[in-house]
């Protein structure tokens, strides 16, 4: 999932993650402004796979930190 420089690669739209606490995160949109690896990701999150508790809009550094701090892992579904 990392790009070799410590950043998390841009996720795919529709990709689903769960964190260490069992919360669900779904990628709703990814904006990739250039070939330099920067992106903005819009995630919905929640206690179940519907991910209807809220929305977060994160830059690459914020998404990378979220993945590290919450232990996000790709999940089926």
PDB file of N, CA and C in Angstrom:
ATOM      1  N   UNK A   1       0.810  -1.192   0.000  1.00  0.00           N
ATOM      2  CA  UNK A   1       0.000   0.000   0.000  1.00  0.00           C
ATOM      3  C   UNK A   1       0.856   1.259   0.000  1.00  0.00           C
ATOM      4  N   UNK A   2       2.102   1.170   0.490  1.00  0.00           N
ATOM      5  CA  UNK A   2       2.990   2.340   0.482  1.00  0.00           C
ATOM      6  C   UNK A   2       3.695   2.465  -0.852  1.00  0.00           C
ATOM      7  N   UNK A   3       4.131   3.681  -1.141  1.00  0.00           N
ATOM      8  CA  UNK A   3       4.787   3.945  -2.422  1.00  0.00           C
ATOM      9  C   UNK A   3       6.305   3.860  -2.350  1.00  0.00           C
ATOM     10  N   UNK A   4       6.856   3.411  -1.241  1.00  0.00           N
ATOM     11  CA  UNK A   4       8.298   3.322  -1.084  1.00  0.00           C
ATOM     12  C   UNK A   4       8.910   4.580  -0.477  1.00  0.00           C
ATOM     13  N   UNK A   5       8.144   5.655  -0.405  1.00  0.00           N
ATOM     14  CA  UNK A   5       8.612   6.912   0.172  1.00  0.00           C
ATOM     15  C   UNK A   5       7.899   7.200   1.496  1.00  0.00           C
ATOM     16  N   UNK A   6       7.132   6.240   1.987  1.00  0.00           N
ATOM     17  CA  UNK A   6       6.409   6.425   3.243  1.00  0.00           C
ATOM     18  C   UNK A   6       4.980   6.899   3.074  1.00  0.00           C
ATOM     19  N   UNK A   7       4.589   7.244   1.845  1.00  0.00           N
ATOM     20  CA  UNK A   7       3.224   7.688   1.587  1.00  0.00           C
ATOM     21  C   UNK A   7       2.381   6.489   1.194  1.00  0.00           C
ATOM     22  N   UNK A   8       1.110   6.544   1.537  1.00  0.00           N
ATOM     23  CA  UNK A   8       0.181   5.521   1.084  1.00  0.00           C
ATOM     24  C   UNK A   8      -0.239   5.866  -0.340  1.00  0.00           C
ATOM     25  N   UNK A   9      -0.190   4.874  -1.217  1.00  0.00           N
ATOM     26  CA  UNK A   9      -0.631   5.101  -2.603  1.00  0.00           C
ATOM     27  C   UNK A   9      -2.109   5.470  -2.619  1.00  0.00           C
ATOM     28  N   UNK A  10      -2.502   6.186  -3.645  1.00  0.00           N
ATOM     29  CA  UNK A  10      -3.902   6.590  -3.769  1.00  0.00           C
ATOM     30  C   UNK A  10      -4.780   5.343  -3.832  1.00  0.00           C
ATOM     31  N   UNK A  11      -5.825   5.309  -3.023  1.00  0.00           N
ATOM     32  CA  UNK A  11      -6.736   4.166  -3.076  1.00  0.00           C
ATOM     33  C   UNK A  11      -7.620   4.249  -4.313  1.00  0.00           C
ATOM     34  N   UNK A  12      -8.344   3.187  -4.585  1.00  0.00           N
ATOM     35  CA  UNK A  12      -9.283   3.157  -5.701  1.00  0.00           C
ATOM     36  C   UNK A  12     -10.677   3.540  -5.219  1.00  0.00           C
ATOM     37  N   UNK A  13     -11.432   4.197  -6.070  1.00  0.00           N
ATOM     38  CA  UNK A  13     -12.815   4.522  -5.746  1.00  0.00           C
ATOM     39  C   UNK A  13     -13.560   3.216  -5.492  1.00  0.00           C
ATOM     40  N   UNK A  14     -14.302   3.185  -4.395  1.00  0.00           N
ATOM     41  CA  UNK A  14     -15.054   2.003  -4.018  1.00  0.00           C
ATOM     42  C   UNK A  14     -14.312   1.069  -3.080  1.00  0.00           C
ATOM     43  N   UNK A  15     -13.012   1.305  -2.903  1.00  0.00           N
ATOM     44  CA  UNK A  15     -12.224   0.443  -2.025  1.00  0.00           C
ATOM     45  C   UNK A  15     -12.732   0.559  -0.591  1.00  0.00           C
ATOM     46  N   UNK A  16     -12.720  -0.557   0.107  1.00  0.00           N
ATOM     47  CA  UNK A  16     -13.262  -0.638   1.464  1.00  0.00           C
ATOM     48  C   UNK A  16     -12.155  -1.034   2.425  1.00  0.00           C
ATOM     49  N   UNK A  17     -12.081  -0.341   3.557  1.00  0.00           N
ATOM     50  CA  UNK A  17     -11.081  -0.621   4.585  1.00  0.00           C
ATOM     51  C   UNK A  17     -11.783  -0.831   5.917  1.00  0.00           C
ATOM     52  N   UNK A  18     -11.126  -1.544   6.820  1.00  0.00           N
ATOM     53  CA  UNK A  18     -11.544  -1.589   8.219  1.00  0.00           C
ATOM     54  C   UNK A  18     -10.340  -1.203   9.059  1.00  0.00           C
ATOM     55  N   UNK A  19     -10.610  -0.590  10.214  1.00  0.00           N
ATOM     56  CA  UNK A  19      -9.504  -0.217  11.095  1.00  0.00           C
ATOM     57  C   UNK A  19      -9.425  -1.198  12.261  1.00  0.00           C
ATOM     58  N   UNK A  20      -8.452  -0.993  13.125  1.00  0.00           N
ATOM     59  CA  UNK A  20      -8.215  -1.913  14.234  1.00  0.00           C
ATOM     60  C   UNK A  20      -9.385  -1.976  15.211  1.00  0.00           C
ATOM     61  N   UNK A  21     -10.209  -0.938  15.247  1.00  0.00           N
ATOM     62  CA  UNK A  21     -11.369  -0.900  16.135  1.00  0.00           C
ATOM     63  C   UNK A  21     -12.615  -1.506  15.488  1.00  0.00           C
ATOM     64  N   UNK A  22     -12.500  -1.940  14.228  1.00  0.00           N
ATOM     65  CA  UNK A  22     -13.638  -2.528  13.530  1.00  0.00           C
ATOM     66  C   UNK A  22     -14.503  -1.533  12.787  1.00  0.00           C
ATOM     67  N   UNK A  23     -14.075  -0.266  12.709  1.00  0.00           N
ATOM     68  CA  UNK A  23     -14.811   0.738  11.938  1.00  0.00           C
ATOM     69  C   UNK A  23     -14.559   0.523  10.449  1.00  0.00           C
ATOM     70  N   UNK A  24     -15.536   0.914   9.645  1.00  0.00           N
ATOM     71  CA  UNK A  24     -15.458   0.735   8.200  1.00  0.00           C
ATOM     72  C   UNK A  24     -15.215   2.078   7.517  1.00  0.00           C
ATOM     73  N   UNK A  25     -14.443   2.037   6.442  1.00  0.00           N
ATOM     74  CA  UNK A  25     -14.097   3.231   5.658  1.00  0.00           C
ATOM     75  C   UNK A  25     -14.245   2.872   4.190  1.00  0.00           C
ATOM     76  N   UNK A  26     -14.973   3.678   3.418  1.00  0.00           N
ATOM     77  CA  UNK A  26     -15.156   3.422   1.994  1.00  0.00           C
ATOM     78  C   UNK A  26     -14.724   4.649   1.193  1.00  0.00           C
ATOM     79  N   UNK A  27     -13.940   4.412   0.159  1.00  0.00           N
ATOM     80  CA  UNK A  27     -13.450   5.490  -0.702  1.00  0.00           C
ATOM     81  C   UNK A  27     -14.564   5.892  -1.655  1.00  0.00           C
ATOM     82  N   UNK A  28     -14.989   7.147  -1.562  1.00  0.00           N
ATOM     83  CA  UNK A  28     -16.063   7.664  -2.413  1.00  0.00           C
ATOM     84  C   UNK A  28     -15.534   8.386  -3.651  1.00  0.00           C
ATOM     85  N   UNK A  29     -14.367   9.015  -3.525  1.00  0.00           N
ATOM     86  CA  UNK A  29     -13.811   9.761  -4.653  1.00  0.00           C
ATOM     87  C   UNK A  29     -12.331   9.963  -4.412  1.00  0.00           C
ATOM     88  N   UNK A  30     -11.552   9.996  -5.492  1.00  0.00           N
ATOM     89  CA  UNK A  30     -10.126  10.301  -5.427  1.00  0.00           C
ATOM     90  C   UNK A  30      -9.833  11.343  -6.497  1.00  0.00           C
ATOM     91  N   UNK A  31      -9.250  12.445  -6.071  1.00  0.00           N
ATOM     92  CA  UNK A  31      -8.859  13.501  -7.002  1.00  0.00           C
ATOM     93  C   UNK A  31      -7.343  13.469  -7.100  1.00  0.00           C
ATOM     94  N   UNK A  32      -6.837  13.235  -8.294  1.00  0.00           N
ATOM     95  CA  UNK A  32      -5.393  13.168  -8.522  1.00  0.00           C
ATOM     96  C   UNK A  32      -4.994  14.340  -9.412  1.00  0.00           C
ATOM     97  N   UNK A  33      -4.492  15.420  -8.805  1.00  0.00           N
ATOM     98  CA  UNK A  33      -4.198  16.622  -9.592  1.00  0.00           C
ATOM     99  C   UNK A  33      -2.960  16.533 -10.466  1.00  0.00           C
ATOM    100  N   UNK A  34      -2.070  15.590 -10.220  1.00  0.00           N
ATOM    101  CA  UNK A  34      -0.869  15.546 -11.044  1.00  0.00           C
ATOM    102  C   UNK A  34      -0.136  14.223 -10.934  1.00  0.00           C
ATOM    103  N   UNK A  35       0.929  14.119 -11.688  1.00  0.00           N
ATOM    104  CA  UNK A  35       1.724  12.895 -11.719  1.00  0.00           C
ATOM    105  C   UNK A  35       2.723  12.824 -10.567  1.00  0.00           C
ATOM    106  N   UNK A  36       2.696  13.808  -9.666  1.00  0.00           N
ATOM    107  CA  UNK A  36       3.667  13.846  -8.572  1.00  0.00           C
ATOM    108  C   UNK A  36       3.275  12.971  -7.390  1.00  0.00           C
ATOM    109  N   UNK A  37       2.156  12.251  -7.490  1.00  0.00           N
ATOM    110  CA  UNK A  37       1.744  11.357  -6.425  1.00  0.00           C
ATOM    111  C   UNK A  37       0.782  11.967  -5.432  1.00  0.00           C
ATOM    112  N   UNK A  38       0.550  13.265  -5.501  1.00  0.00           N
ATOM    113  CA  UNK A  38      -0.394  13.897  -4.566  1.00  0.00           C
ATOM    114  C   UNK A  38      -1.823  13.575  -4.980  1.00  0.00           C
ATOM    115  N   UNK A  39      -2.701  13.486  -4.006  1.00  0.00           N
ATOM    116  CA  UNK A  39      -4.105  13.210  -4.268  1.00  0.00           C
ATOM    117  C   UNK A  39      -4.937  13.703  -3.093  1.00  0.00           C
ATOM    118  N   UNK A  40      -6.230  13.771  -3.319  1.00  0.00           N
ATOM    119  CA  UNK A  40      -7.210  14.054  -2.276  1.00  0.00           C
ATOM    120  C   UNK A  40      -8.221  12.915  -2.326  1.00  0.00           C
ATOM    121  N   UNK A  41      -8.556  12.381  -1.166  1.00  0.00           N
ATOM    122  CA  UNK A  41      -9.492  11.265  -1.108  1.00  0.00           C
ATOM    123  C   UNK A  41     -10.688  11.640  -0.240  1.00  0.00           C
ATOM    124  N   UNK A  42     -11.868  11.280  -0.707  1.00  0.00           N
ATOM    125  CA  UNK A  42     -13.098  11.489   0.068  1.00  0.00           C
ATOM    126  C   UNK A  42     -13.551  10.126   0.569  1.00  0.00           C
ATOM    127  N   UNK A  43     -13.644   9.988   1.891  1.00  0.00           N
ATOM    128  CA  UNK A  43     -14.009   8.733   2.538  1.00  0.00           C
ATOM    129  C   UNK A  43     -15.304   8.896   3.312  1.00  0.00           C
ATOM    130  N   UNK A  44     -16.113   7.864   3.285  1.00  0.00           N
ATOM    131  CA  UNK A  44     -17.212   7.797   4.245  1.00  0.00           C
ATOM    132  C   UNK A  44     -16.825   6.743   5.269  1.00  0.00           C
ATOM    133  N   UNK A  45     -17.374   6.849   6.441  1.00  0.00           N
ATOM    134  CA  UNK A  45     -16.997   5.912   7.494  1.00  0.00           C
ATOM    135  C   UNK A  45     -18.208   5.580   8.356  1.00  0.00           C
ATOM    136  N   UNK A  46     -18.086   4.497   9.104  1.00  0.00           N
ATOM    137  CA  UNK A  46     -19.176   4.118   9.989  1.00  0.00           C
ATOM    138  C   UNK A  46     -18.903   2.826  10.717  1.00  0.00           C
ATOM    139  N   UNK A  47     -19.846   2.455  11.551  1.00  0.00           N
ATOM    140  CA  UNK A  47     -19.732   1.248  12.371  1.00  0.00           C
ATOM    141  C   UNK A  47     -20.059  -0.012  11.580  1.00  0.00           C
ATOM    142  N   UNK A  48     -20.682   0.145  10.390  1.00  0.00           N
ATOM    143  CA  UNK A  48     -20.976  -1.017   9.553  1.00  0.00           C
ATOM    144  C   UNK A  48     -20.562  -0.722   8.115  1.00  0.00           C
ATOM    145  N   UNK A  49     -20.718  -1.692   7.230  1.00  0.00           N
ATOM    146  CA  UNK A  49     -20.228  -1.549   5.858  1.00  0.00           C
ATOM    147  C   UNK A  49     -20.960  -0.493   5.045  1.00  0.00           C
ATOM    148  N   UNK A  50     -22.103  -0.011   5.535  1.00  0.00           N
ATOM    149  CA  UNK A  50     -22.815   1.061   4.834  1.00  0.00           C
ATOM    150  C   UNK A  50     -22.039   2.369   4.873  1.00  0.00           C
ATOM    151  N   UNK A  51     -21.191   2.540   5.885  1.00  0.00           N
ATOM    152  CA  UNK A  51     -20.340   3.737   6.020  1.00  0.00           C
ATOM    153  C   UNK A  51     -21.162   5.023   5.925  1.00  0.00           C
ATOM    154  N   UNK A  52     -22.172   5.125   6.765  1.00  0.00           N
ATOM    155  CA  UNK A  52     -23.073   6.266   6.697  1.00  0.00           C
ATOM    156  C   UNK A  52     -22.954   7.207   7.896  1.00  0.00           C
ATOM    157  N   UNK A  53     -21.896   7.090   8.695  1.00  0.00           N
ATOM    158  CA  UNK A  53     -21.766   7.948   9.884  1.00  0.00           C
ATOM    159  C   UNK A  53     -21.178   9.318   9.573  1.00  0.00           C
ATOM    160  N   UNK A  54     -20.424   9.434   8.493  1.00  0.00           N
ATOM    161  CA  UNK A  54     -19.814  10.720   8.178  1.00  0.00           C
ATOM    162  C   UNK A  54     -18.908  10.649   6.975  1.00  0.00           C
ATOM    163  N   UNK A  55     -18.373  11.792   6.611  1.00  0.00           N
ATOM    164  CA  UNK A  55     -17.493  11.935   5.443  1.00  0.00           C
ATOM    165  C   UNK A  55     -16.219  12.654   5.884  1.00  0.00           C
ATOM    166  N   UNK A  56     -15.086  12.204   5.379  1.00  0.00           N
ATOM    167  CA  UNK A  56     -13.813  12.895   5.582  1.00  0.00           C
ATOM    168  C   UNK A  56     -13.198  13.187   4.226  1.00  0.00           C
ATOM    169  N   UNK A  57     -12.595  14.349   4.078  1.00  0.00           N
ATOM    170  CA  UNK A  57     -11.844  14.701   2.873  1.00  0.00           C
ATOM    171  C   UNK A  57     -10.405  14.902   3.310  1.00  0.00           C
ATOM    172  N   UNK A  58      -9.509  14.064   2.776  1.00  0.00           N
ATOM    173  CA  UNK A  58      -8.129  14.033   3.249  1.00  0.00           C
ATOM    174  C   UNK A  58      -7.131  14.170   2.112  1.00  0.00           C
ATOM    175  N   UNK A  59      -6.054  14.908   2.370  1.00  0.00           N
ATOM    176  CA  UNK A  59      -4.923  14.966   1.448  1.00  0.00           C
ATOM    177  C   UNK A  59      -4.066  13.718   1.657  1.00  0.00           C
ATOM    178  N   UNK A  60      -3.088  13.525   0.806  1.00  0.00           N
ATOM    179  CA  UNK A  60      -2.231  12.337   0.858  1.00  0.00           C
ATOM    180  C   UNK A  60      -1.598  12.135   2.233  1.00  0.00           C
ATOM    181  N   UNK A  61      -1.060  13.188   2.826  1.00  0.00           N
ATOM    182  CA  UNK A  61      -0.410  13.063   4.136  1.00  0.00           C
ATOM    183  C   UNK A  61      -1.409  12.663   5.213  1.00  0.00           C
ATOM    184  N   UNK A  62      -2.610  13.224   5.157  1.00  0.00           N
ATOM    185  CA  UNK A  62      -3.639  12.900   6.144  1.00  0.00           C
ATOM    186  C   UNK A  62      -4.129  11.464   5.985  1.00  0.00           C
ATOM    187  N   UNK A  63      -4.307  11.030   4.736  1.00  0.00           N
ATOM    188  CA  UNK A  63      -4.748   9.655   4.495  1.00  0.00           C
ATOM    189  C   UNK A  63      -3.663   8.673   4.930  1.00  0.00           C
ATOM    190  N   UNK A  64      -2.407   8.993   4.644  1.00  0.00           N
ATOM    191  CA  UNK A  64      -1.297   8.137   5.079  1.00  0.00           C
ATOM    192  C   UNK A  64      -1.271   8.023   6.600  1.00  0.00           C
ATOM    193  N   UNK A  65      -1.470   9.145   7.303  1.00  0.00           N
ATOM    194  CA  UNK A  65      -1.487   9.138   8.765  1.00  0.00           C
ATOM    195  C   UNK A  65      -2.667   8.323   9.284  1.00  0.00           C
ATOM    196  N   UNK A  66      -3.827   8.458   8.662  1.00  0.00           N
ATOM    197  CA  UNK A  66      -5.000   7.684   9.065  1.00  0.00           C
ATOM    198  C   UNK A  66      -4.718   6.184   8.940  1.00  0.00           C
ATOM    199  N   UNK A  67      -4.120   5.782   7.832  1.00  0.00           N
ATOM    200  CA  UNK A  67      -3.800   4.365   7.620  1.00  0.00           C
ATOM    201  C   UNK A  67      -2.850   3.850   8.691  1.00  0.00           C
ATOM    202  N   UNK A  68      -1.823   4.634   9.009  1.00  0.00           N
ATOM    203  CA  UNK A  68      -0.859   4.230  10.038  1.00  0.00           C
ATOM    204  C   UNK A  68      -1.476   4.208  11.431  1.00  0.00           C
ATOM    205  N   UNK A  69      -2.127   5.295  11.803  1.00  0.00           N
ATOM    206  CA  UNK A  69      -2.622   5.458  13.172  1.00  0.00           C
ATOM    207  C   UNK A  69      -3.785   4.539  13.511  1.00  0.00           C
ATOM    208  N   UNK A  70      -4.642   4.281  12.541  1.00  0.00           N
ATOM    209  CA  UNK A  70      -5.814   3.446  12.800  1.00  0.00           C
ATOM    210  C   UNK A  70      -5.626   2.016  12.299  1.00  0.00           C
ATOM    211  N   UNK A  71      -4.481   1.728  11.667  1.00  0.00           N
ATOM    212  CA  UNK A  71      -4.230   0.373  11.181  1.00  0.00           C
ATOM    213  C   UNK A  71      -5.189  -0.045  10.083  1.00  0.00           C
ATOM    214  N   UNK A  72      -5.530   0.880   9.160  1.00  0.00           N
ATOM    215  CA  UNK A  72      -6.453   0.548   8.090  1.00  0.00           C
ATOM    216  C   UNK A  72      -5.921  -0.595   7.246  1.00  0.00           C
ATOM    217  N   UNK A  73      -6.794  -1.529   6.936  1.00  0.00           N
ATOM    218  CA  UNK A  73      -6.441  -2.633   6.059  1.00  0.00           C
ATOM    219  C   UNK A  73      -7.576  -2.840   5.069  1.00  0.00           C
ATOM    220  N   UNK A  74      -7.204  -3.219   3.870  1.00  0.00           N
ATOM    221  CA  UNK A  74      -8.197  -3.458   2.818  1.00  0.00           C
ATOM    222  C   UNK A  74      -9.041  -4.658   3.238  1.00  0.00           C
ATOM    223  N   UNK A  75     -10.337  -4.531   3.064  1.00  0.00           N
ATOM    224  CA  UNK A  75     -11.229  -5.636   3.398  1.00  0.00           C
ATOM    225  C   UNK A  75     -12.139  -5.957   2.218  1.00  0.00           C
ATOM    226  N   UNK A  76     -12.660  -7.149   2.211  1.00  0.00           N
ATOM    227  CA  UNK A  76     -13.592  -7.556   1.167  1.00  0.00           C
ATOM    228  C   UNK A  76     -14.948  -6.918   1.446  1.00  0.00           C
ATOM    229  N   UNK A  77     -15.623  -6.557   0.390  1.00  0.00           N
ATOM    230  CA  UNK A  77     -16.973  -6.003   0.569  1.00  0.00           C
ATOM    231  C   UNK A  77     -16.994  -4.609   0.296  1.00  0.00           C
TER     232      UNK A  77
END
